[in-house]
Amino acid sequence: TEPSPLTADLDTAIMQVDPDSERAVTAAFGRWRELR
């Protein structure tokens, strides 16, 4: 195969989920339970 321009930079060829998003979701979840 020839080198693919689609995968020349594998780090940007896919979407990366921000690891901080899990902490934010969990914190918001805790606030929901406190306020109900």
PDB file of all heavy atoms in Angstrom:
ATOM      1  N   THR A   1       0.820  -1.208   0.000  1.00  0.00           N
ATOM      2  CA  THR A   1       0.000   0.000   0.000  1.00  0.00           C
ATOM      3  C   THR A   1       0.853   1.256   0.000  1.00  0.00           C
ATOM      4  O   THR A   1       1.992   1.247   0.472  1.00  0.00           O
ATOM      5  CB  THR A   1      -0.940   0.010   1.225  1.00  0.00           C
ATOM      6  OG1 THR A   1      -1.780   1.164   1.164  1.00  0.00           O
ATOM      7  CG2 THR A   1      -0.155   0.038   2.524  1.00  0.00           C
ATOM      8  N   GLU A   2       0.287   2.309  -0.533  1.00  0.00           N
ATOM      9  CA  GLU A   2       0.886   3.633  -0.410  1.00  0.00           C
ATOM     10  C   GLU A   2       0.514   4.214   0.954  1.00  0.00           C
ATOM     11  O   GLU A   2      -0.520   3.869   1.528  1.00  0.00           O
ATOM     12  CB  GLU A   2       0.368   4.553  -1.519  1.00  0.00           C
ATOM     13  CG  GLU A   2       0.710   4.105  -2.925  1.00  0.00           C
ATOM     14  CD  GLU A   2       2.193   4.140  -3.206  1.00  0.00           C
ATOM     15  OE1 GLU A   2       2.888   4.969  -2.575  1.00  0.00           O
ATOM     16  OE2 GLU A   2       2.666   3.336  -4.035  1.00  0.00           O
ATOM     17  N   PRO A   3       1.324   5.108   1.480  1.00  0.00           N
ATOM     18  CA  PRO A   3       0.945   5.773   2.735  1.00  0.00           C
ATOM     19  C   PRO A   3      -0.374   6.517   2.564  1.00  0.00           C
ATOM     20  O   PRO A   3      -0.603   7.182   1.555  1.00  0.00           O
ATOM     21  CB  PRO A   3       2.108   6.740   2.990  1.00  0.00           C
ATOM     22  CG  PRO A   3       3.253   6.181   2.200  1.00  0.00           C
ATOM     23  CD  PRO A   3       2.658   5.530   0.989  1.00  0.00           C
ATOM     24  N   SER A   4      -1.240   6.394   3.533  1.00  0.00           N
ATOM     25  CA  SER A   4      -2.560   7.006   3.431  1.00  0.00           C
ATOM     26  C   SER A   4      -2.574   8.383   4.074  1.00  0.00           C
ATOM     27  O   SER A   4      -2.222   8.524   5.244  1.00  0.00           O
ATOM     28  CB  SER A   4      -3.609   6.124   4.116  1.00  0.00           C
ATOM     29  OG  SER A   4      -4.842   6.809   4.221  1.00  0.00           O
ATOM     30  N   PRO A   5      -3.012   9.409   3.340  1.00  0.00           N
ATOM     31  CA  PRO A   5      -3.120  10.737   3.966  1.00  0.00           C
ATOM     32  C   PRO A   5      -4.207  10.781   5.037  1.00  0.00           C
ATOM     33  O   PRO A   5      -4.175  11.646   5.908  1.00  0.00           O
ATOM     34  CB  PRO A   5      -3.482  11.653   2.784  1.00  0.00           C
ATOM     35  CG  PRO A   5      -4.094  10.739   1.759  1.00  0.00           C
ATOM     36  CD  PRO A   5      -3.401   9.424   1.917  1.00  0.00           C
ATOM     37  N   LEU A   6      -5.149   9.832   4.977  1.00  0.00           N
ATOM     38  CA  LEU A   6      -6.215   9.804   5.978  1.00  0.00           C
ATOM     39  C   LEU A   6      -5.689   9.412   7.355  1.00  0.00           C
ATOM     40  O   LEU A   6      -6.265   9.786   8.376  1.00  0.00           O
ATOM     41  CB  LEU A   6      -7.312   8.826   5.554  1.00  0.00           C
ATOM     42  CG  LEU A   6      -8.136   9.205   4.323  1.00  0.00           C
ATOM     43  CD1 LEU A   6      -9.086   8.073   3.966  1.00  0.00           C
ATOM     44  CD2 LEU A   6      -8.912  10.488   4.560  1.00  0.00           C
ATOM     45  N   THR A   7      -4.624   8.635   7.373  1.00  0.00           N
ATOM     46  CA  THR A   7      -4.094   8.146   8.650  1.00  0.00           C
ATOM     47  C   THR A   7      -2.661   8.603   8.892  1.00  0.00           C
ATOM     48  O   THR A   7      -1.938   8.012   9.683  1.00  0.00           O
ATOM     49  CB  THR A   7      -4.165   6.608   8.703  1.00  0.00           C
ATOM     50  OG1 THR A   7      -3.436   6.061   7.590  1.00  0.00           O
ATOM     51  CG2 THR A   7      -5.600   6.126   8.641  1.00  0.00           C
ATOM     52  N   ALA A   8      -2.256   9.643   8.200  1.00  0.00           N
ATOM     53  CA  ALA A   8      -0.883  10.127   8.365  1.00  0.00           C
ATOM     54  C   ALA A   8      -0.633  10.565   9.807  1.00  0.00           C
ATOM     55  O   ALA A   8       0.456  10.386  10.346  1.00  0.00           O
ATOM     56  CB  ALA A   8      -0.625  11.290   7.403  1.00  0.00           C
ATOM     57  N   ASP A   9      -1.649  11.125  10.427  1.00  0.00           N
ATOM     58  CA  ASP A   9      -1.566  11.513  11.844  1.00  0.00           C
ATOM     59  C   ASP A   9      -2.667  10.758  12.572  1.00  0.00           C
ATOM     60  O   ASP A   9      -3.815  11.216  12.632  1.00  0.00           O
ATOM     61  CB  ASP A   9      -1.733  13.026  11.997  1.00  0.00           C
ATOM     62  CG  ASP A   9      -1.572  13.479  13.447  1.00  0.00           C
ATOM     63  OD1 ASP A   9      -1.407  12.607  14.327  1.00  0.00           O
ATOM     64  OD2 ASP A   9      -1.629  14.694  13.693  1.00  0.00           O
ATOM     65  N   LEU A  10      -2.330   9.609  13.121  1.00  0.00           N
ATOM     66  CA  LEU A  10      -3.342   8.767  13.753  1.00  0.00           C
ATOM     67  C   LEU A  10      -3.987   9.435  14.964  1.00  0.00           C
ATOM     68  O   LEU A  10      -5.136   9.148  15.300  1.00  0.00           O
ATOM     69  CB  LEU A  10      -2.727   7.429  14.163  1.00  0.00           C
ATOM     70  CG  LEU A  10      -2.484   6.428  13.034  1.00  0.00           C
ATOM     71  CD1 LEU A  10      -1.731   5.209  13.550  1.00  0.00           C
ATOM     72  CD2 LEU A  10      -3.798   5.995  12.397  1.00  0.00           C
ATOM     73  N   ASP A  11      -3.255  10.324  15.615  1.00  0.00           N
ATOM     74  CA  ASP A  11      -3.814  10.971  16.796  1.00  0.00           C
ATOM     75  C   ASP A  11      -4.972  11.897  16.448  1.00  0.00           C
ATOM     76  O   ASP A  11      -5.830  12.182  17.286  1.00  0.00           O
ATOM     77  CB  ASP A  11      -2.734  11.754  17.538  1.00  0.00           C
ATOM     78  CG  ASP A  11      -1.714  10.825  18.199  1.00  0.00           C
ATOM     79  OD1 ASP A  11      -2.066   9.656  18.427  1.00  0.00           O
ATOM     80  OD2 ASP A  11      -0.594  11.279  18.476  1.00  0.00           O
ATOM     81  N   THR A  12      -4.997  12.398  15.202  1.00  0.00           N
ATOM     82  CA  THR A  12      -6.096  13.288  14.801  1.00  0.00           C
ATOM     83  C   THR A  12      -7.076  12.596  13.856  1.00  0.00           C
ATOM     84  O   THR A  12      -8.058  13.213  13.431  1.00  0.00           O
ATOM     85  CB  THR A  12      -5.543  14.553  14.115  1.00  0.00           C
ATOM     86  OG1 THR A  12      -4.817  14.175  12.932  1.00  0.00           O
ATOM     87  CG2 THR A  12      -4.635  15.314  15.056  1.00  0.00           C
ATOM     88  N   ALA A  13      -6.831  11.319  13.515  1.00  0.00           N
ATOM     89  CA  ALA A  13      -7.708  10.601  12.587  1.00  0.00           C
ATOM     90  C   ALA A  13      -8.953  10.058  13.256  1.00  0.00           C
ATOM     91  O   ALA A  13      -9.843   9.530  12.596  1.00  0.00           O
ATOM     92  CB  ALA A  13      -6.937   9.453  11.923  1.00  0.00           C
ATOM     93  N   ILE A  14      -9.014  10.170  14.569  1.00  0.00           N
ATOM     94  CA  ILE A  14     -10.185   9.738  15.326  1.00  0.00           C
ATOM     95  C   ILE A  14     -10.499  10.797  16.374  1.00  0.00           C
ATOM     96  O   ILE A  14      -9.690  11.679  16.644  1.00  0.00           O
ATOM     97  CB  ILE A  14      -9.966   8.377  16.022  1.00  0.00           C
ATOM     98  CG1 ILE A  14      -8.737   8.432  16.933  1.00  0.00           C
ATOM     99  CG2 ILE A  14      -9.870   7.248  15.012  1.00  0.00           C
ATOM    100  CD1 ILE A  14      -8.525   7.202  17.769  1.00  0.00           C
ATOM    101  N   MET A  15     -11.669  10.684  16.957  1.00  0.00           N
ATOM    102  CA  MET A  15     -12.076  11.624  17.999  1.00  0.00           C
ATOM    103  C   MET A  15     -11.571  11.139  19.356  1.00  0.00           C
ATOM    104  O   MET A  15     -11.651   9.950  19.656  1.00  0.00           O
ATOM    105  CB  MET A  15     -13.604  11.740  18.019  1.00  0.00           C
ATOM    106  CG  MET A  15     -14.133  12.720  19.035  1.00  0.00           C
ATOM    107  SD  MET A  15     -15.923  12.870  18.883  1.00  0.00           S
ATOM    108  CE  MET A  15     -16.255  13.937  20.282  1.00  0.00           C
ATOM    109  N   GLN A  16     -11.050  12.045  20.142  1.00  0.00           N
ATOM    110  CA  GLN A  16     -10.589  11.722  21.484  1.00  0.00           C
ATOM    111  C   GLN A  16     -11.583  12.254  22.503  1.00  0.00           C
ATOM    112  O   GLN A  16     -11.959  13.433  22.452  1.00  0.00           O
ATOM    113  CB  GLN A  16      -9.205  12.341  21.740  1.00  0.00           C
ATOM    114  CG  GLN A  16      -8.139  11.916  20.732  1.00  0.00           C
ATOM    115  CD  GLN A  16      -7.693  10.483  20.900  1.00  0.00           C
ATOM    116  OE1 GLN A  16      -7.985   9.850  21.906  1.00  0.00           O
ATOM    117  NE2 GLN A  16      -6.981   9.959  19.917  1.00  0.00           N
ATOM    118  N   VAL A  17     -12.041  11.406  23.412  1.00  0.00           N
ATOM    119  CA  VAL A  17     -12.937  11.835  24.471  1.00  0.00           C
ATOM    120  C   VAL A  17     -12.110  12.448  25.597  1.00  0.00           C
ATOM    121  O   VAL A  17     -11.149  11.842  26.074  1.00  0.00           O
ATOM    122  CB  VAL A  17     -13.775  10.653  25.000  1.00  0.00           C
ATOM    123  CG1 VAL A  17     -14.611  11.079  26.206  1.00  0.00           C
ATOM    124  CG2 VAL A  17     -14.679  10.111  23.895  1.00  0.00           C
ATOM    125  N   ASP A  18     -12.472  13.632  26.000  1.00  0.00           N
ATOM    126  CA  ASP A  18     -11.766  14.340  27.068  1.00  0.00           C
ATOM    127  C   ASP A  18     -11.913  13.544  28.371  1.00  0.00           C
ATOM    128  O   ASP A  18     -13.032  13.333  28.847  1.00  0.00           O
ATOM    129  CB  ASP A  18     -12.361  15.734  27.235  1.00  0.00           C
ATOM    130  CG  ASP A  18     -11.622  16.574  28.278  1.00  0.00           C
ATOM    131  OD1 ASP A  18     -10.732  16.030  28.965  1.00  0.00           O
ATOM    132  OD2 ASP A  18     -11.957  17.757  28.416  1.00  0.00           O
ATOM    133  N   PRO A  19     -10.801  13.098  28.967  1.00  0.00           N
ATOM    134  CA  PRO A  19     -10.914  12.319  30.213  1.00  0.00           C
ATOM    135  C   PRO A  19     -11.557  13.108  31.347  1.00  0.00           C
ATOM    136  O   PRO A  19     -12.110  12.523  32.282  1.00  0.00           O
ATOM    137  CB  PRO A  19      -9.465  11.953  30.534  1.00  0.00           C
ATOM    138  CG  PRO A  19      -8.632  12.913  29.759  1.00  0.00           C
ATOM    139  CD  PRO A  19      -9.413  13.251  28.532  1.00  0.00           C
ATOM    140  N   ASP A  20     -11.525  14.439  31.273  1.00  0.00           N
ATOM    141  CA  ASP A  20     -12.158  15.249  32.315  1.00  0.00           C
ATOM    142  C   ASP A  20     -13.678  15.191  32.242  1.00  0.00           C
ATOM    143  O   ASP A  20     -14.361  15.559  33.200  1.00  0.00           O
ATOM    144  CB  ASP A  20     -11.701  16.705  32.206  1.00  0.00           C
ATOM    145  CG  ASP A  20     -10.252  16.880  32.640  1.00  0.00           C
ATOM    146  OD1 ASP A  20      -9.768  16.033  33.419  1.00  0.00           O
ATOM    147  OD2 ASP A  20      -9.606  17.838  32.193  1.00  0.00           O
ATOM    148  N   SER A  21     -14.227  14.757  31.080  1.00  0.00           N
ATOM    149  CA  SER A  21     -15.682  14.752  30.935  1.00  0.00           C
ATOM    150  C   SER A  21     -16.321  13.771  31.914  1.00  0.00           C
ATOM    151  O   SER A  21     -17.413  14.027  32.435  1.00  0.00           O
ATOM    152  CB  SER A  21     -16.080  14.398  29.498  1.00  0.00           C
ATOM    153  OG  SER A  21     -15.737  13.065  29.176  1.00  0.00           O
ATOM    154  N   GLU A  22     -15.641  12.640  32.202  1.00  0.00           N
ATOM    155  CA  GLU A  22     -16.203  11.690  33.152  1.00  0.00           C
ATOM    156  C   GLU A  22     -16.295  12.306  34.544  1.00  0.00           C
ATOM    157  O   GLU A  22     -17.310  12.148  35.238  1.00  0.00           O
ATOM    158  CB  GLU A  22     -15.367  10.407  33.195  1.00  0.00           C
ATOM    159  CG  GLU A  22     -15.894   9.390  34.200  1.00  0.00           C
ATOM    160  CD  GLU A  22     -15.248   8.016  34.069  1.00  0.00           C
ATOM    161  OE1 GLU A  22     -14.797   7.665  32.958  1.00  0.00           O
ATOM    162  OE2 GLU A  22     -15.208   7.288  35.079  1.00  0.00           O
ATOM    163  N   ARG A  23     -15.272  13.038  34.944  1.00  0.00           N
ATOM    164  CA  ARG A  23     -15.309  13.684  36.260  1.00  0.00           C
ATOM    165  C   ARG A  23     -16.420  14.730  36.323  1.00  0.00           C
ATOM    166  O   ARG A  23     -17.103  14.871  37.343  1.00  0.00           O
ATOM    167  CB  ARG A  23     -13.946  14.301  36.571  1.00  0.00           C
ATOM    168  CG  ARG A  23     -12.866  13.271  36.884  1.00  0.00           C
ATOM    169  CD  ARG A  23     -11.592  13.940  37.358  1.00  0.00           C
ATOM    170  NE  ARG A  23     -10.854  14.528  36.256  1.00  0.00           N
ATOM    171  CZ  ARG A  23      -9.976  13.862  35.498  1.00  0.00           C
ATOM    172  NH1 ARG A  23      -9.750  12.584  35.747  1.00  0.00           N
ATOM    173  NH2 ARG A  23      -9.335  14.462  34.522  1.00  0.00           N
ATOM    174  N   ALA A  24     -16.613  15.458  35.218  1.00  0.00           N
ATOM    175  CA  ALA A  24     -17.659  16.477  35.189  1.00  0.00           C
ATOM    176  C   ALA A  24     -19.042  15.845  35.274  1.00  0.00           C
ATOM    177  O   ALA A  24     -19.926  16.340  35.992  1.00  0.00           O
ATOM    178  CB  ALA A  24     -17.536  17.316  33.917  1.00  0.00           C
ATOM    179  N   VAL A  25     -19.244  14.741  34.536  1.00  0.00           N
ATOM    180  CA  VAL A  25     -20.530  14.051  34.564  1.00  0.00           C
ATOM    181  C   VAL A  25     -20.809  13.523  35.973  1.00  0.00           C
ATOM    182  O   VAL A  25     -21.923  13.649  36.500  1.00  0.00           O
ATOM    183  CB  VAL A  25     -20.557  12.905  33.535  1.00  0.00           C
ATOM    184  CG1 VAL A  25     -21.758  11.986  33.764  1.00  0.00           C
ATOM    185  CG2 VAL A  25     -20.595  13.460  32.117  1.00  0.00           C
ATOM    186  N   THR A  26     -19.794  12.919  36.588  1.00  0.00           N
ATOM    187  CA  THR A  26     -19.971  12.352  37.925  1.00  0.00           C
ATOM    188  C   THR A  26     -20.272  13.441  38.955  1.00  0.00           C
ATOM    189  O   THR A  26     -21.127  13.262  39.837  1.00  0.00           O
ATOM    190  CB  THR A  26     -18.712  11.567  38.328  1.00  0.00           C
ATOM    191  OG1 THR A  26     -18.452  10.557  37.342  1.00  0.00           O
ATOM    192  CG2 THR A  26     -18.896  10.899  39.681  1.00  0.00           C
ATOM    193  N   ALA A  27     -19.603  14.591  38.829  1.00  0.00           N
ATOM    194  CA  ALA A  27     -19.854  15.689  39.762  1.00  0.00           C
ATOM    195  C   ALA A  27     -21.273  16.229  39.603  1.00  0.00           C
ATOM    196  O   ALA A  27     -21.975  16.483  40.593  1.00  0.00           O
ATOM    197  CB  ALA A  27     -18.834  16.804  39.536  1.00  0.00           C
ATOM    198  N   ALA A  28     -21.715  16.386  38.339  1.00  0.00           N
ATOM    199  CA  ALA A  28     -23.073  16.879  38.096  1.00  0.00           C
ATOM    200  C   ALA A  28     -24.108  15.883  38.599  1.00  0.00           C
ATOM    201  O   ALA A  28     -25.167  16.271  39.107  1.00  0.00           O
ATOM    202  CB  ALA A  28     -23.265  17.149  36.605  1.00  0.00           C
ATOM    203  N   PHE A  29     -23.793  14.601  38.470  1.00  0.00           N
ATOM    204  CA  PHE A  29     -24.693  13.560  38.956  1.00  0.00           C
ATOM    205  C   PHE A  29     -24.861  13.674  40.476  1.00  0.00           C
ATOM    206  O   PHE A  29     -25.975  13.567  41.003  1.00  0.00           O
ATOM    207  CB  PHE A  29     -24.128  12.185  38.583  1.00  0.00           C
ATOM    208  CG  PHE A  29     -24.911  11.033  39.133  1.00  0.00           C
ATOM    209  CD1 PHE A  29     -26.054  10.593  38.505  1.00  0.00           C
ATOM    210  CD2 PHE A  29     -24.497  10.383  40.286  1.00  0.00           C
ATOM    211  CE1 PHE A  29     -26.786   9.529  39.015  1.00  0.00           C
ATOM    212  CE2 PHE A  29     -25.208   9.322  40.814  1.00  0.00           C
ATOM    213  CZ  PHE A  29     -26.362   8.893  40.164  1.00  0.00           C
ATOM    214  N   GLY A  30     -23.768  13.908  41.175  1.00  0.00           N
ATOM    215  CA  GLY A  30     -23.843  14.068  42.623  1.00  0.00           C
ATOM    216  C   GLY A  30     -24.705  15.253  43.027  1.00  0.00           C
ATOM    217  O   GLY A  30     -25.476  15.178  43.995  1.00  0.00           O
ATOM    218  N   ARG A  31     -24.604  16.345  42.261  1.00  0.00           N
ATOM    219  CA  ARG A  31     -25.414  17.529  42.569  1.00  0.00           C
ATOM    220  C   ARG A  31     -26.902  17.241  42.357  1.00  0.00           C
ATOM    221  O   ARG A  31     -27.752  17.702  43.128  1.00  0.00           O
ATOM    222  CB  ARG A  31     -24.972  18.713  41.701  1.00  0.00           C
ATOM    223  CG  ARG A  31     -23.616  19.271  42.097  1.00  0.00           C
ATOM    224  CD  ARG A  31     -23.345  20.601  41.431  1.00  0.00           C
ATOM    225  NE  ARG A  31     -23.254  20.497  39.980  1.00  0.00           N
ATOM    226  CZ  ARG A  31     -22.136  20.215  39.326  1.00  0.00           C
ATOM    227  NH1 ARG A  31     -21.011  19.989  39.995  1.00  0.00           N
ATOM    228  NH2 ARG A  31     -22.126  20.155  38.011  1.00  0.00           N
ATOM    229  N   TRP A  32     -27.227  16.469  41.303  1.00  0.00           N
ATOM    230  CA  TRP A  32     -28.627  16.101  41.056  1.00  0.00           C
ATOM    231  C   TRP A  32     -29.204  15.363  42.260  1.00  0.00           C
ATOM    232  O   TRP A  32     -30.300  15.667  42.720  1.00  0.00           O
ATOM    233  CB  TRP A  32     -28.729  15.243  39.795  1.00  0.00           C
ATOM    234  CG  TRP A  32     -30.089  14.622  39.581  1.00  0.00           C
ATOM    235  CD1 TRP A  32     -30.540  13.413  40.047  1.00  0.00           C
ATOM    236  CD2 TRP A  32     -31.187  15.197  38.873  1.00  0.00           C
ATOM    237  NE1 TRP A  32     -31.836  13.191  39.661  1.00  0.00           N
ATOM    238  CE2 TRP A  32     -32.263  14.267  38.940  1.00  0.00           C
ATOM    239  CE3 TRP A  32     -31.377  16.392  38.181  1.00  0.00           C
ATOM    240  CZ2 TRP A  32     -33.497  14.506  38.335  1.00  0.00           C
ATOM    241  CZ3 TRP A  32     -32.609  16.625  37.568  1.00  0.00           C
ATOM    242  CH2 TRP A  32     -33.648  15.696  37.659  1.00  0.00           C
ATOM    243  N   ARG A  33     -28.443  14.418  42.782  1.00  0.00           N
ATOM    244  CA  ARG A  33     -28.954  13.605  43.882  1.00  0.00           C
ATOM    245  C   ARG A  33     -29.089  14.439  45.170  1.00  0.00           C
ATOM    246  O   ARG A  33     -29.984  14.219  45.972  1.00  0.00           O
ATOM    247  CB  ARG A  33     -28.045  12.399  44.105  1.00  0.00           C
ATOM    248  CG  ARG A  33     -28.770  11.206  44.653  1.00  0.00           C
ATOM    249  CD  ARG A  33     -28.175   9.880  44.287  1.00  0.00           C
ATOM    250  NE  ARG A  33     -26.735   9.799  44.358  1.00  0.00           N
ATOM    251  CZ  ARG A  33     -26.044   8.717  43.983  1.00  0.00           C
ATOM    252  NH1 ARG A  33     -26.674   7.650  43.519  1.00  0.00           N
ATOM    253  NH2 ARG A  33     -24.743   8.708  44.055  1.00  0.00           N
ATOM    254  N   GLU A  34     -28.203  15.411  45.336  1.00  0.00           N
ATOM    255  CA  GLU A  34     -28.275  16.262  46.523  1.00  0.00           C
ATOM    256  C   GLU A  34     -29.506  17.167  46.501  1.00  0.00           C
ATOM    257  O   GLU A  34     -30.089  17.462  47.551  1.00  0.00           O
ATOM    258  CB  GLU A  34     -27.015  17.135  46.612  1.00  0.00           C
ATOM    259  CG  GLU A  34     -25.762  16.366  47.001  1.00  0.00           C
ATOM    260  CD  GLU A  34     -24.524  17.241  46.915  1.00  0.00           C
ATOM    261  OE1 GLU A  34     -24.678  18.454  46.607  1.00  0.00           O
ATOM    262  OE2 GLU A  34     -23.414  16.731  47.137  1.00  0.00           O
ATOM    263  N   LEU A  35     -29.911  17.607  45.309  1.00  0.00           N
ATOM    264  CA  LEU A  35     -30.963  18.612  45.197  1.00  0.00           C
ATOM    265  C   LEU A  35     -32.367  18.023  45.064  1.00  0.00           C
ATOM    266  O   LEU A  35     -33.348  18.763  45.184  1.00  0.00           O
ATOM    267  CB  LEU A  35     -30.684  19.528  43.990  1.00  0.00           C
ATOM    268  CG  LEU A  35     -29.418  20.400  44.099  1.00  0.00           C
ATOM    269  CD1 LEU A  35     -29.150  21.119  42.791  1.00  0.00           C
ATOM    270  CD2 LEU A  35     -29.557  21.391  45.242  1.00  0.00           C
ATOM    271  N   ARG A  36     -32.480  16.729  44.799  1.00  0.00           N
ATOM    272  CA  ARG A  36     -33.804  16.149  44.590  1.00  0.00           C
ATOM    273  C   ARG A  36     -34.524  15.951  45.932  1.00  0.00           C
ATOM    274  O   ARG A  36     -33.913  16.032  47.007  1.00  0.00           O
ATOM    275  CB  ARG A  36     -33.686  14.808  43.870  1.00  0.00           C
ATOM    276  CG  ARG A  36     -33.137  13.705  44.751  1.00  0.00           C
ATOM    277  CD  ARG A  36     -33.001  12.390  44.026  1.00  0.00           C
ATOM    278  NE  ARG A  36     -32.481  11.356  44.927  1.00  0.00           N
ATOM    279  CZ  ARG A  36     -32.196  10.121  44.557  1.00  0.00           C
ATOM    280  NH1 ARG A  36     -32.367   9.749  43.307  1.00  0.00           N
ATOM    281  NH2 ARG A  36     -31.736   9.250  45.439  1.00  0.00           N
TER     282      ARG A  36
END
